[in-house]
C-alpha atoms as a PDB file:
ATOM      1  CA  MET A   1      96.724 118.083 -25.725  1.00  0.00           C
ATOM      2  CA  GLY A   2      96.477 115.030 -23.451  1.00  0.00           C
ATOM      3  CA  THR A   3      94.317 114.429 -20.452  1.00  0.00           C
ATOM      4  CA  GLN A   4      95.973 115.374 -17.164  1.00  0.00           C
ATOM      5  CA  HIS A   5      94.468 115.012 -13.707  1.00  0.00           C
ATOM      6  CA  ARG A   6      95.212 115.329 -10.050  1.00  0.00           C
ATOM      7  CA  LEU A   7      94.364 111.832  -8.863  1.00  0.00           C
ATOM      8  CA  ASN A   8      93.440 112.946  -5.365  1.00  0.00           C
ATOM      9  CA  THR A   9      90.757 115.223  -6.849  1.00  0.00           C
ATOM     10  CA  PHE A  10      88.844 112.123  -7.880  1.00  0.00           C
ATOM     11  CA  LEU A  11      89.724 109.930  -4.937  1.00  0.00           C
ATOM     12  CA  PRO A  12      88.799 111.099  -1.456  1.00  0.00           C
ATOM     13  CA  CYS A  13      91.235 110.441   1.368  1.00  0.00           C
ATOM     14  CA  ARG A  14      90.467 107.315   3.390  1.00  0.00           C
ATOM     15  CA  SER A  15      91.149 108.376   6.964  1.00  0.00           C
ATOM     16  CA  ALA A  16      90.783 104.816   8.267  1.00  0.00           C
ATOM     17  CA  GLY A  17      93.450 103.588   5.851  1.00  0.00           C
ATOM     18  CA  VAL A  18      91.162 100.796   4.597  1.00  0.00           C
ATOM     19  CA  ILE A  19      90.221 100.584   0.943  1.00  0.00           C
ATOM     20  CA  THR A  20      87.700  98.163  -0.513  1.00  0.00           C
ATOM     21  CA  SER A  21      88.090  96.062  -3.652  1.00  0.00           C
ATOM     22  CA  GLU A  22      85.322  98.148  -5.238  1.00  0.00           C
ATOM     23  CA  GLU A  23      87.330 101.317  -4.577  1.00  0.00           C
ATOM     24  CA  ILE A  24      90.456  99.732  -6.045  1.00  0.00           C
ATOM     25  CA  GLU A  25      88.506  98.846  -9.188  1.00  0.00           C
ATOM     26  CA  ARG A  26      87.142 102.403  -9.400  1.00  0.00           C
ATOM     27  CA  ILE A  27      90.664 103.804  -9.071  1.00  0.00           C
ATOM     28  CA  HIS A  28      91.849 101.492 -11.837  1.00  0.00           C
ATOM     29  CA  LYS A  29      89.040 102.617 -14.163  1.00  0.00           C
ATOM     30  CA  GLU A  30      89.771 106.291 -13.477  1.00  0.00           C
ATOM     31  CA  VAL A  31      93.511 105.923 -14.028  1.00  0.00           C
ATOM     32  CA  LEU A  32      92.926 104.118 -17.327  1.00  0.00           C
ATOM     33  CA  LYS A  33      91.101 107.234 -18.599  1.00  0.00           C
ATOM     34  CA  PHE A  34      94.055 109.507 -17.859  1.00  0.00           C
ATOM     35  CA  GLU A  35      96.916 110.061 -20.226  1.00  0.00           C
ATOM     36  CA  ARG A  36      98.996 111.432 -17.365  1.00  0.00           C
ATOM     37  CA  ILE A  37      98.439 112.130 -13.677  1.00  0.00           C
ATOM     38  CA  GLU A  38      99.697 115.516 -12.568  1.00  0.00           C
ATOM     39  CA  ALA A  39      99.822 114.861  -8.807  1.00  0.00           C
ATOM     40  CA  THR A  40      98.963 112.123  -6.338  1.00  0.00           C
ATOM     41  CA  SER A  41      99.489 111.278  -2.692  1.00  0.00           C
ATOM     42  CA  ASP A  42     102.218 108.885  -1.524  1.00  0.00           C
ATOM     43  CA  PRO A  43      99.671 106.276  -0.337  1.00  0.00           C
ATOM     44  CA  MET A  44      97.876 106.393  -3.697  1.00  0.00           C
ATOM     45  CA  ARG A  45     101.207 106.034  -5.525  1.00  0.00           C
ATOM     46  CA  GLU A  46     102.038 102.981  -3.408  1.00  0.00           C
ATOM     47  CA  LEU A  47      98.635 101.465  -4.152  1.00  0.00           C
ATOM     48  CA  ILE A  48      99.115 101.881  -7.894  1.00  0.00           C
ATOM     49  CA  GLU A  49     102.717 100.638  -7.773  1.00  0.00           C
ATOM     50  CA  ASP A  50     101.696  97.539  -5.808  1.00  0.00           C
ATOM     51  CA  LEU A  51      98.416  96.618  -7.513  1.00  0.00           C
ATOM     52  CA  ARG A  52      98.646  98.120 -10.998  1.00  0.00           C
ATOM     53  CA  PRO A  53     102.334  98.424 -11.982  1.00  0.00           C
ATOM     54  CA  GLU A  54     101.327  98.694 -15.648  1.00  0.00           C
ATOM     55  CA  LEU A  55      99.924 102.163 -14.829  1.00  0.00           C
ATOM     56  CA  VAL A  56     102.972 103.589 -13.013  1.00  0.00           C
ATOM     57  CA  HIS A  57     104.111 105.373 -16.192  1.00  0.00           C
ATOM     58  CA  LYS A  58     101.090 107.679 -15.823  1.00  0.00           C
ATOM     59  CA  LEU A  59     102.216 108.900 -12.386  1.00  0.00           C
ATOM     60  CA  PRO A  60     104.301 112.037 -11.882  1.00  0.00           C
ATOM     61  CA  PRO A  61     107.963 111.546 -10.955  1.00  0.00           C
ATOM     62  CA  LYS A  62     108.610 110.669  -7.316  1.00  0.00           C
ATOM     63  CA  GLU A  63     109.510 113.636  -5.132  1.00  0.00           C
ATOM     64  CA  THR A  64     112.614 113.332  -3.013  1.00  0.00           C
ATOM     65  CA  HIS A  65     112.134 114.471   0.577  1.00  0.00           C
END
């Protein structure tokens, strides 16, 4: 069985909306470990889509609102 995670479990919410380059690198390292991500927030999805498009396949399908 593969590794599945809720990305927001590992990544605390940034209330100020500012994320450092060190945090982006940490996110990248965490996502690389996962086979699939079970759930993530919209802002985290956007971050991965914008900065690490090669990892988008690990994200869950987009929810339609």
